[in-house]
């Protein structure tokens, strides 16, 4: 599946716009790392990377349900809950491109 932040895919024609899709993921592991601030920030960074990957897997799964083979106009939002757990939301438009 082609994923892009742009509204078009160079070299491909969009045949059909199938709908807006979203993938959301939240960290479900503890971030405790003692009193080391640098270790804590590193844990948050690693957590965001992992959660972002899960959010992208979710958006692709939702696009496949619409029979899409690409997602255009992707926007990524990263937030921290009040307890500093990363939440990643990925939104885009599921499309069918001619291949």
PDB file of N, CA and C in Angstrom:
ATOM      1  N   UNK A   1       0.848  -1.177   0.000  1.00  0.00           N
ATOM      2  CA  UNK A   1       0.000   0.000   0.000  1.00  0.00           C
ATOM      3  C   UNK A   1       0.889   1.234   0.000  1.00  0.00           C
ATOM      4  N   UNK A   2       0.535   2.200  -0.832  1.00  0.00           N
ATOM      5  CA  UNK A   2       1.281   3.449  -0.900  1.00  0.00           C
ATOM      6  C   UNK A   2       0.713   4.409   0.137  1.00  0.00           C
ATOM      7  N   UNK A   3       1.579   4.998   0.930  1.00  0.00           N
ATOM      8  CA  UNK A   3       1.199   5.976   1.945  1.00  0.00           C
ATOM      9  C   UNK A   3       1.936   7.272   1.650  1.00  0.00           C
ATOM     10  N   UNK A   4       1.211   8.401   1.646  1.00  0.00           N
ATOM     11  CA  UNK A   4       1.873   9.670   1.379  1.00  0.00           C
ATOM     12  C   UNK A   4       1.165  10.823   2.083  1.00  0.00           C
ATOM     13  N   UNK A   5       1.942  11.841   2.412  1.00  0.00           N
ATOM     14  CA  UNK A   5       1.375  13.041   3.006  1.00  0.00           C
ATOM     15  C   UNK A   5       0.865  13.996   1.926  1.00  0.00           C
ATOM     16  N   UNK A   6       1.217  13.751   0.685  1.00  0.00           N
ATOM     17  CA  UNK A   6       0.760  14.605  -0.408  1.00  0.00           C
ATOM     18  C   UNK A   6      -0.642  14.201  -0.838  1.00  0.00           C
ATOM     19  N   UNK A   7      -1.284  15.051  -1.636  1.00  0.00           N
ATOM     20  CA  UNK A   7      -2.641  14.765  -2.096  1.00  0.00           C
ATOM     21  C   UNK A   7      -2.672  14.013  -3.416  1.00  0.00           C
ATOM     22  N   UNK A   8      -1.526  13.808  -4.025  1.00  0.00           N
ATOM     23  CA  UNK A   8      -1.409  13.048  -5.263  1.00  0.00           C
ATOM     24  C   UNK A   8      -0.229  12.105  -5.142  1.00  0.00           C
ATOM     25  N   UNK A   9      -0.169  11.146  -6.057  1.00  0.00           N
ATOM     26  CA  UNK A   9       0.958  10.211  -6.087  1.00  0.00           C
ATOM     27  C   UNK A   9       1.560  10.315  -7.480  1.00  0.00           C
ATOM     28  N   UNK A  10       2.762  10.851  -7.548  1.00  0.00           N
ATOM     29  CA  UNK A  10       3.405  11.066  -8.840  1.00  0.00           C
ATOM     30  C   UNK A  10       3.503   9.755  -9.622  1.00  0.00           C
ATOM     31  N   UNK A  11       3.059   9.811 -10.876  1.00  0.00           N
ATOM     32  CA  UNK A  11       3.116   8.641 -11.738  1.00  0.00           C
ATOM     33  C   UNK A  11       1.893   7.743 -11.661  1.00  0.00           C
ATOM     34  N   UNK A  12       0.944   8.064 -10.797  1.00  0.00           N
ATOM     35  CA  UNK A  12      -0.268   7.267 -10.640  1.00  0.00           C
ATOM     36  C   UNK A  12      -1.498   8.161 -10.760  1.00  0.00           C
ATOM     37  N   UNK A  13      -2.572   7.587 -11.246  1.00  0.00           N
ATOM     38  CA  UNK A  13      -3.844   8.301 -11.321  1.00  0.00           C
ATOM     39  C   UNK A  13      -4.779   7.737 -10.269  1.00  0.00           C
ATOM     40  N   UNK A  14      -5.393   8.636  -9.498  1.00  0.00           N
ATOM     41  CA  UNK A  14      -6.375   8.218  -8.498  1.00  0.00           C
ATOM     42  C   UNK A  14      -7.697   7.960  -9.218  1.00  0.00           C
ATOM     43  N   UNK A  15      -8.172   6.735  -9.140  1.00  0.00           N
ATOM     44  CA  UNK A  15      -9.405   6.341  -9.816  1.00  0.00           C
ATOM     45  C   UNK A  15     -10.633   6.605  -8.959  1.00  0.00           C
ATOM     46  N   UNK A  16     -10.483   6.498  -7.626  1.00  0.00           N
ATOM     47  CA  UNK A  16     -11.646   6.654  -6.757  1.00  0.00           C
ATOM     48  C   UNK A  16     -11.201   7.069  -5.358  1.00  0.00           C
ATOM     49  N   UNK A  17     -11.945   7.992  -4.783  1.00  0.00           N
ATOM     50  CA  UNK A  17     -11.740   8.395  -3.396  1.00  0.00           C
ATOM     51  C   UNK A  17     -12.733   7.607  -2.551  1.00  0.00           C
ATOM     52  N   UNK A  18     -12.227   6.810  -1.614  1.00  0.00           N
ATOM     53  CA  UNK A  18     -13.072   5.857  -0.896  1.00  0.00           C
ATOM     54  C   UNK A  18     -13.514   6.325   0.484  1.00  0.00           C
ATOM     55  N   UNK A  19     -12.855   7.308   1.036  1.00  0.00           N
ATOM     56  CA  UNK A  19     -13.261   7.815   2.345  1.00  0.00           C
ATOM     57  C   UNK A  19     -12.083   8.126   3.243  1.00  0.00           C
ATOM     58  N   UNK A  20     -12.376   8.819   4.316  1.00  0.00           N
ATOM     59  CA  UNK A  20     -11.363   9.181   5.302  1.00  0.00           C
ATOM     60  C   UNK A  20     -11.144   7.997   6.234  1.00  0.00           C
ATOM     61  N   UNK A  21      -9.881   7.696   6.491  1.00  0.00           N
ATOM     62  CA  UNK A  21      -9.538   6.599   7.392  1.00  0.00           C
ATOM     63  C   UNK A  21      -8.622   7.117   8.494  1.00  0.00           C
ATOM     64  N   UNK A  22      -8.687   6.455   9.631  1.00  0.00           N
ATOM     65  CA  UNK A  22      -7.886   6.846  10.782  1.00  0.00           C
ATOM     66  C   UNK A  22      -7.286   5.611  11.430  1.00  0.00           C
ATOM     67  N   UNK A  23      -6.095   5.778  11.948  1.00  0.00           N
ATOM     68  CA  UNK A  23      -5.458   4.754  12.760  1.00  0.00           C
ATOM     69  C   UNK A  23      -5.002   5.399  14.054  1.00  0.00           C
ATOM     70  N   UNK A  24      -5.402   4.857  15.182  1.00  0.00           N
ATOM     71  CA  UNK A  24      -5.047   5.419  16.481  1.00  0.00           C
ATOM     72  C   UNK A  24      -4.386   4.329  17.317  1.00  0.00           C
ATOM     73  N   UNK A  25      -3.366   4.723  18.042  1.00  0.00           N
ATOM     74  CA  UNK A  25      -2.713   3.783  18.960  1.00  0.00           C
ATOM     75  C   UNK A  25      -2.248   4.552  20.188  1.00  0.00           C
ATOM     76  N   UNK A  26      -2.252   3.883  21.315  1.00  0.00           N
ATOM     77  CA  UNK A  26      -1.808   4.480  22.574  1.00  0.00           C
ATOM     78  C   UNK A  26      -0.822   3.530  23.238  1.00  0.00           C
ATOM     79  N   UNK A  27       0.126   4.094  23.931  1.00  0.00           N
ATOM     80  CA  UNK A  27       1.090   3.269  24.644  1.00  0.00           C
ATOM     81  C   UNK A  27       0.364   2.500  25.737  1.00  0.00           C
ATOM     82  N   UNK A  28       0.667   1.213  25.853  1.00  0.00           N
ATOM     83  CA  UNK A  28       0.039   0.408  26.897  1.00  0.00           C
ATOM     84  C   UNK A  28       1.082  -0.204  27.834  1.00  0.00           C
ATOM     85  N   UNK A  29       2.279   0.367  27.801  1.00  0.00           N
ATOM     86  CA  UNK A  29       3.341  -0.128  28.680  1.00  0.00           C
ATOM     87  C   UNK A  29       3.752   0.979  29.644  1.00  0.00           C
ATOM     88  N   UNK A  30       4.211   0.606  30.789  1.00  0.00           N
ATOM     89  CA  UNK A  30       4.650   1.579  31.777  1.00  0.00           C
ATOM     90  C   UNK A  30       5.932   2.275  31.307  1.00  0.00           C
ATOM     91  N   UNK A  31       6.068   3.547  31.638  1.00  0.00           N
ATOM     92  CA  UNK A  31       7.247   4.309  31.241  1.00  0.00           C
ATOM     93  C   UNK A  31       8.193   4.577  32.399  1.00  0.00           C
ATOM     94  N   UNK A  32       7.929   3.986  33.536  1.00  0.00           N
ATOM     95  CA  UNK A  32       8.758   4.246  34.717  1.00  0.00           C
ATOM     96  C   UNK A  32      10.206   3.866  34.453  1.00  0.00           C
ATOM     97  N   UNK A  33      11.109   4.770  34.818  1.00  0.00           N
ATOM     98  CA  UNK A  33      12.539   4.467  34.655  1.00  0.00           C
ATOM     99  C   UNK A  33      13.362   5.112  35.756  1.00  0.00           C
ATOM    100  N   UNK A  34      12.837   5.117  36.952  1.00  0.00           N
ATOM    101  CA  UNK A  34      13.573   5.662  38.077  1.00  0.00           C
ATOM    102  C   UNK A  34      13.636   7.178  38.047  1.00  0.00           C
ATOM    103  N   UNK A  35      14.772   7.710  38.518  1.00  0.00           N
ATOM    104  CA  UNK A  35      14.903   9.157  38.634  1.00  0.00           C
ATOM    105  C   UNK A  35      15.743   9.768  37.528  1.00  0.00           C
ATOM    106  N   UNK A  36      16.098   9.022  36.522  1.00  0.00           N
ATOM    107  CA  UNK A  36      16.923   9.536  35.432  1.00  0.00           C
ATOM    108  C   UNK A  36      16.052  10.204  34.366  1.00  0.00           C
ATOM    109  N   UNK A  37      16.187  11.502  34.237  1.00  0.00           N
ATOM    110  CA  UNK A  37      15.399  12.245  33.251  1.00  0.00           C
ATOM    111  C   UNK A  37      15.759  11.824  31.840  1.00  0.00           C
ATOM    112  N   UNK A  38      17.029  11.627  31.555  1.00  0.00           N
ATOM    113  CA  UNK A  38      17.443  11.246  30.200  1.00  0.00           C
ATOM    114  C   UNK A  38      16.877   9.874  29.823  1.00  0.00           C
ATOM    115  N   UNK A  39      16.871   8.937  30.763  1.00  0.00           N
ATOM    116  CA  UNK A  39      16.283   7.622  30.494  1.00  0.00           C
ATOM    117  C   UNK A  39      14.776   7.737  30.276  1.00  0.00           C
ATOM    118  N   UNK A  40      14.132   8.608  31.047  1.00  0.00           N
ATOM    119  CA  UNK A  40      12.689   8.800  30.912  1.00  0.00           C
ATOM    120  C   UNK A  40      12.350   9.349  29.527  1.00  0.00           C
ATOM    121  N   UNK A  41      13.081  10.361  29.072  1.00  0.00           N
ATOM    122  CA  UNK A  41      12.836  10.939  27.747  1.00  0.00           C
ATOM    123  C   UNK A  41      13.135   9.941  26.636  1.00  0.00           C
ATOM    124  N   UNK A  42      14.159   9.135  26.837  1.00  0.00           N
ATOM    125  CA  UNK A  42      14.468   8.109  25.836  1.00  0.00           C
ATOM    126  C   UNK A  42      13.332   7.088  25.759  1.00  0.00           C
ATOM    127  N   UNK A  43      12.774   6.720  26.917  1.00  0.00           N
ATOM    128  CA  UNK A  43      11.639   5.782  26.946  1.00  0.00           C
ATOM    129  C   UNK A  43      10.430   6.372  26.215  1.00  0.00           C
ATOM    130  N   UNK A  44      10.163   7.679  26.411  1.00  0.00           N
ATOM    131  CA  UNK A  44       9.049   8.315  25.723  1.00  0.00           C
ATOM    132  C   UNK A  44       9.286   8.298  24.221  1.00  0.00           C
ATOM    133  N   UNK A  45      10.509   8.617  23.793  1.00  0.00           N
ATOM    134  CA  UNK A  45      10.830   8.616  22.366  1.00  0.00           C
ATOM    135  C   UNK A  45      10.642   7.232  21.760  1.00  0.00           C
ATOM    136  N   UNK A  46      11.144   6.208  22.428  1.00  0.00           N
ATOM    137  CA  UNK A  46      10.987   4.839  21.941  1.00  0.00           C
ATOM    138  C   UNK A  46       9.506   4.443  21.901  1.00  0.00           C
ATOM    139  N   UNK A  47       8.760   4.878  22.901  1.00  0.00           N
ATOM    140  CA  UNK A  47       7.337   4.567  22.958  1.00  0.00           C
ATOM    141  C   UNK A  47       6.594   5.219  21.796  1.00  0.00           C
ATOM    142  N   UNK A  48       6.922   6.468  21.488  1.00  0.00           N
ATOM    143  CA  UNK A  48       6.274   7.166  20.374  1.00  0.00           C
ATOM    144  C   UNK A  48       6.555   6.431  19.074  1.00  0.00           C
ATOM    145  N   UNK A  49       7.795   5.998  18.856  1.00  0.00           N
ATOM    146  CA  UNK A  49       8.128   5.267  17.633  1.00  0.00           C
ATOM    147  C   UNK A  49       7.291   3.990  17.508  1.00  0.00           C
ATOM    148  N   UNK A  50       7.165   3.250  18.588  1.00  0.00           N
ATOM    149  CA  UNK A  50       6.396   2.007  18.579  1.00  0.00           C
ATOM    150  C   UNK A  50       4.908   2.269  18.357  1.00  0.00           C
ATOM    151  N   UNK A  51       4.372   3.253  19.058  1.00  0.00           N
ATOM    152  CA  UNK A  51       2.949   3.572  18.954  1.00  0.00           C
ATOM    153  C   UNK A  51       2.628   4.115  17.562  1.00  0.00           C
ATOM    154  N   UNK A  52       3.520   4.912  16.997  1.00  0.00           N
ATOM    155  CA  UNK A  52       3.307   5.456  15.649  1.00  0.00           C
ATOM    156  C   UNK A  52       3.228   4.330  14.627  1.00  0.00           C
ATOM    157  N   UNK A  53       4.085   3.338  14.753  1.00  0.00           N
ATOM    158  CA  UNK A  53       4.056   2.197  13.835  1.00  0.00           C
ATOM    159  C   UNK A  53       2.732   1.452  13.939  1.00  0.00           C
ATOM    160  N   UNK A  54       2.230   1.252  15.162  1.00  0.00           N
ATOM    161  CA  UNK A  54       0.935   0.585  15.340  1.00  0.00           C
ATOM    162  C   UNK A  54      -0.197   1.403  14.738  1.00  0.00           C
ATOM    163  N   UNK A  55      -0.129   2.728  14.871  1.00  0.00           N
ATOM    164  CA  UNK A  55      -1.169   3.591  14.294  1.00  0.00           C
ATOM    165  C   UNK A  55      -1.164   3.473  12.773  1.00  0.00           C
ATOM    166  N   UNK A  56       0.028   3.404  12.154  1.00  0.00           N
ATOM    167  CA  UNK A  56       0.109   3.238  10.708  1.00  0.00           C
ATOM    168  C   UNK A  56      -0.415   1.866  10.274  1.00  0.00           C
ATOM    169  N   UNK A  57      -0.176   0.841  11.065  1.00  0.00           N
ATOM    170  CA  UNK A  57      -0.740  -0.474  10.756  1.00  0.00           C
ATOM    171  C   UNK A  57      -2.263  -0.430  10.819  1.00  0.00           C
ATOM    172  N   UNK A  58      -2.804   0.288  11.809  1.00  0.00           N
ATOM    173  CA  UNK A  58      -4.258   0.402  11.953  1.00  0.00           C
ATOM    174  C   UNK A  58      -4.892   1.160  10.794  1.00  0.00           C
ATOM    175  N   UNK A  59      -4.261   2.245  10.342  1.00  0.00           N
ATOM    176  CA  UNK A  59      -4.845   3.010   9.239  1.00  0.00           C
ATOM    177  C   UNK A  59      -4.845   2.181   7.957  1.00  0.00           C
ATOM    178  N   UNK A  60      -3.779   1.405   7.748  1.00  0.00           N
ATOM    179  CA  UNK A  60      -3.728   0.551   6.560  1.00  0.00           C
ATOM    180  C   UNK A  60      -4.810  -0.531   6.612  1.00  0.00           C
ATOM    181  N   UNK A  61      -5.014  -1.101   7.783  1.00  0.00           N
ATOM    182  CA  UNK A  61      -6.058  -2.123   7.952  1.00  0.00           C
ATOM    183  C   UNK A  61      -7.429  -1.523   7.640  1.00  0.00           C
ATOM    184  N   UNK A  62      -7.676  -0.310   8.121  1.00  0.00           N
ATOM    185  CA  UNK A  62      -8.962   0.341   7.865  1.00  0.00           C
ATOM    186  C   UNK A  62      -9.124   0.707   6.392  1.00  0.00           C
ATOM    187  N   UNK A  63      -8.046   1.083   5.728  1.00  0.00           N
ATOM    188  CA  UNK A  63      -8.109   1.402   4.297  1.00  0.00           C
ATOM    189  C   UNK A  63      -8.372   0.141   3.478  1.00  0.00           C
ATOM    190  N   UNK A  64      -7.775  -0.970   3.865  1.00  0.00           N
ATOM    191  CA  UNK A  64      -7.997  -2.233   3.145  1.00  0.00           C
ATOM    192  C   UNK A  64      -9.456  -2.669   3.237  1.00  0.00           C
ATOM    193  N   UNK A  65     -10.115  -2.343   4.340  1.00  0.00           N
ATOM    194  CA  UNK A  65     -11.549  -2.668   4.472  1.00  0.00           C
ATOM    195  C   UNK A  65     -12.373  -1.945   3.405  1.00  0.00           C
ATOM    196  N   UNK A  66     -11.875  -0.806   2.929  1.00  0.00           N
ATOM    197  CA  UNK A  66     -12.551  -0.044   1.881  1.00  0.00           C
ATOM    198  C   UNK A  66     -12.057  -0.433   0.489  1.00  0.00           C
ATOM    199  N   UNK A  67     -11.182  -1.452   0.432  1.00  0.00           N
ATOM    200  CA  UNK A  67     -10.587  -1.921  -0.822  1.00  0.00           C
ATOM    201  C   UNK A  67      -9.650  -0.883  -1.439  1.00  0.00           C
ATOM    202  N   UNK A  68      -8.991  -0.107  -0.601  1.00  0.00           N
ATOM    203  CA  UNK A  68      -8.037   0.904  -1.062  1.00  0.00           C
ATOM    204  C   UNK A  68      -6.668   0.270  -1.284  1.00  0.00           C
ATOM    205  N   UNK A  69      -5.896   0.876  -2.187  1.00  0.00           N
ATOM    206  CA  UNK A  69      -4.516   0.437  -2.357  1.00  0.00           C
ATOM    207  C   UNK A  69      -3.529   1.576  -2.118  1.00  0.00           C
ATOM    208  N   UNK A  70      -4.046   2.700  -1.597  1.00  0.00           N
ATOM    209  CA  UNK A  70      -3.187   3.822  -1.229  1.00  0.00           C
ATOM    210  C   UNK A  70      -3.931   4.732  -0.262  1.00  0.00           C
ATOM    211  N   UNK A  71      -3.156   5.535   0.479  1.00  0.00           N
ATOM    212  CA  UNK A  71      -3.722   6.553   1.359  1.00  0.00           C
ATOM    213  C   UNK A  71      -2.968   7.842   1.081  1.00  0.00           C
ATOM    214  N   UNK A  72      -3.712   8.902   0.780  1.00  0.00           N
ATOM    215  CA  UNK A  72      -3.096  10.191   0.487  1.00  0.00           C
ATOM    216  C   UNK A  72      -3.477  11.206   1.561  1.00  0.00           C
ATOM    217  N   UNK A  73      -2.722  12.315   1.600  1.00  0.00           N
ATOM    218  CA  UNK A  73      -3.032  13.398   2.530  1.00  0.00           C
ATOM    219  C   UNK A  73      -2.902  13.026   3.984  1.00  0.00           C
ATOM    220  N   UNK A  74      -1.947  12.166   4.301  1.00  0.00           N
ATOM    221  CA  UNK A  74      -1.802  11.677   5.675  1.00  0.00           C
ATOM    222  C   UNK A  74      -1.315  12.789   6.608  1.00  0.00           C
ATOM    223  N   UNK A  75      -1.984  12.877   7.747  1.00  0.00           N
ATOM    224  CA  UNK A  75      -1.596  13.783   8.829  1.00  0.00           C
ATOM    225  C   UNK A  75      -1.344  12.936  10.069  1.00  0.00           C
ATOM    226  N   UNK A  76      -0.268  13.262  10.786  1.00  0.00           N
ATOM    227  CA  UNK A  76       0.089  12.526  12.000  1.00  0.00           C
ATOM    228  C   UNK A  76       0.019  13.484  13.179  1.00  0.00           C
ATOM    229  N   UNK A  77      -0.696  13.086  14.220  1.00  0.00           N
ATOM    230  CA  UNK A  77      -0.776  13.869  15.446  1.00  0.00           C
ATOM    231  C   UNK A  77      -0.274  13.025  16.605  1.00  0.00           C
ATOM    232  N   UNK A  78       0.612  13.616  17.397  1.00  0.00           N
ATOM    233  CA  UNK A  78       1.159  12.930  18.563  1.00  0.00           C
ATOM    234  C   UNK A  78       0.838  13.771  19.789  1.00  0.00           C
ATOM    235  N   UNK A  79       0.209  13.148  20.759  1.00  0.00           N
ATOM    236  CA  UNK A  79      -0.161  13.824  21.998  1.00  0.00           C
ATOM    237  C   UNK A  79       0.302  12.979  23.172  1.00  0.00           C
ATOM    238  N   UNK A  80       0.472  13.619  24.302  1.00  0.00           N
ATOM    239  CA  UNK A  80       0.757  12.898  25.535  1.00  0.00           C
ATOM    240  C   UNK A  80      -0.448  13.042  26.443  1.00  0.00           C
ATOM    241  N   UNK A  81      -0.866  11.928  27.043  1.00  0.00           N
ATOM    242  CA  UNK A  81      -1.958  11.988  28.007  1.00  0.00           C
ATOM    243  C   UNK A  81      -1.464  12.723  29.244  1.00  0.00           C
ATOM    244  N   UNK A  82      -2.348  12.985  30.168  1.00  0.00           N
ATOM    245  CA  UNK A  82      -1.952  13.681  31.393  1.00  0.00           C
ATOM    246  C   UNK A  82      -0.943  12.879  32.208  1.00  0.00           C
ATOM    247  N   UNK A  83      -0.870  11.588  31.950  1.00  0.00           N
ATOM    248  CA  UNK A  83       0.114  10.738  32.636  1.00  0.00           C
ATOM    249  C   UNK A  83       1.302  10.431  31.726  1.00  0.00           C
ATOM    250  N   UNK A  84       1.469  11.234  30.662  1.00  0.00           N
ATOM    251  CA  UNK A  84       2.598  11.149  29.723  1.00  0.00           C
ATOM    252  C   UNK A  84       2.673   9.864  28.922  1.00  0.00           C
ATOM    253  N   UNK A  85       1.534   9.288  28.593  1.00  0.00           N
ATOM    254  CA  UNK A  85       1.515   8.157  27.680  1.00  0.00           C
ATOM    255  C   UNK A  85       1.240   8.676  26.277  1.00  0.00           C
ATOM    256  N   UNK A  86       2.094   8.326  25.308  1.00  0.00           N
ATOM    257  CA  UNK A  86       1.896   8.818  23.942  1.00  0.00           C
ATOM    258  C   UNK A  86       0.658   8.215  23.271  1.00  0.00           C
ATOM    259  N   UNK A  87      -0.074   9.094  22.576  1.00  0.00           N
ATOM    260  CA  UNK A  87      -1.200   8.700  21.741  1.00  0.00           C
ATOM    261  C   UNK A  87      -0.894   9.228  20.344  1.00  0.00           C
ATOM    262  N   UNK A  88      -0.962   8.347  19.340  1.00  0.00           N
ATOM    263  CA  UNK A  88      -0.697   8.746  17.964  1.00  0.00           C
ATOM    264  C   UNK A  88      -1.951   8.503  17.148  1.00  0.00           C
ATOM    265  N   UNK A  89      -2.357   9.540  16.404  1.00  0.00           N
ATOM    266  CA  UNK A  89      -3.501   9.459  15.514  1.00  0.00           C
ATOM    267  C   UNK A  89      -3.026   9.787  14.098  1.00  0.00           C
ATOM    268  N   UNK A  90      -3.333   8.897  13.167  1.00  0.00           N
ATOM    269  CA  UNK A  90      -2.940   9.061  11.770  1.00  0.00           C
ATOM    270  C   UNK A  90      -4.227   9.086  10.949  1.00  0.00           C
ATOM    271  N   UNK A  91      -4.412  10.151  10.150  1.00  0.00           N
ATOM    272  CA  UNK A  91      -5.630  10.301   9.355  1.00  0.00           C
ATOM    273  C   UNK A  91      -5.261  10.604   7.908  1.00  0.00           C
ATOM    274  N   UNK A  92      -6.018  10.043   6.974  1.00  0.00           N
ATOM    275  CA  UNK A  92      -5.784  10.301   5.562  1.00  0.00           C
ATOM    276  C   UNK A  92      -6.995   9.884   4.742  1.00  0.00           C
ATOM    277  N   UNK A  93      -6.865  10.011   3.427  1.00  0.00           N
ATOM    278  CA  UNK A  93      -7.941   9.634   2.515  1.00  0.00           C
ATOM    279  C   UNK A  93      -7.574   8.346   1.807  1.00  0.00           C
ATOM    280  N   UNK A  94      -8.418   7.323   1.975  1.00  0.00           N
ATOM    281  CA  UNK A  94      -8.222   6.040   1.302  1.00  0.00           C
ATOM    282  C   UNK A  94      -8.629   6.215  -0.159  1.00  0.00           C
ATOM    283  N   UNK A  95      -7.756   5.752  -1.062  1.00  0.00           N
ATOM    284  CA  UNK A  95      -8.029   5.891  -2.495  1.00  0.00           C
ATOM    285  C   UNK A  95      -7.719   4.591  -3.224  1.00  0.00           C
ATOM    286  N   UNK A  96      -8.280   4.497  -4.404  1.00  0.00           N
ATOM    287  CA  UNK A  96      -7.961   3.397  -5.319  1.00  0.00           C
ATOM    288  C   UNK A  96      -7.175   4.043  -6.456  1.00  0.00           C
ATOM    289  N   UNK A  97      -5.930   3.586  -6.651  1.00  0.00           N
ATOM    290  CA  UNK A  97      -5.129   4.109  -7.737  1.00  0.00           C
ATOM    291  C   UNK A  97      -5.037   3.070  -8.843  1.00  0.00           C
ATOM    292  N   UNK A  98      -4.853   3.555 -10.050  1.00  0.00           N
ATOM    293  CA  UNK A  98      -4.668   2.670 -11.186  1.00  0.00           C
ATOM    294  C   UNK A  98      -3.205   2.258 -11.229  1.00  0.00           C
ATOM    295  N   UNK A  99      -2.960   0.958 -11.282  1.00  0.00           N
ATOM    296  CA  UNK A  99      -1.573   0.462 -11.322  1.00  0.00           C
ATOM    297  C   UNK A  99      -1.279  -0.227 -12.625  1.00  0.00           C
TER     298      UNK A  99
END
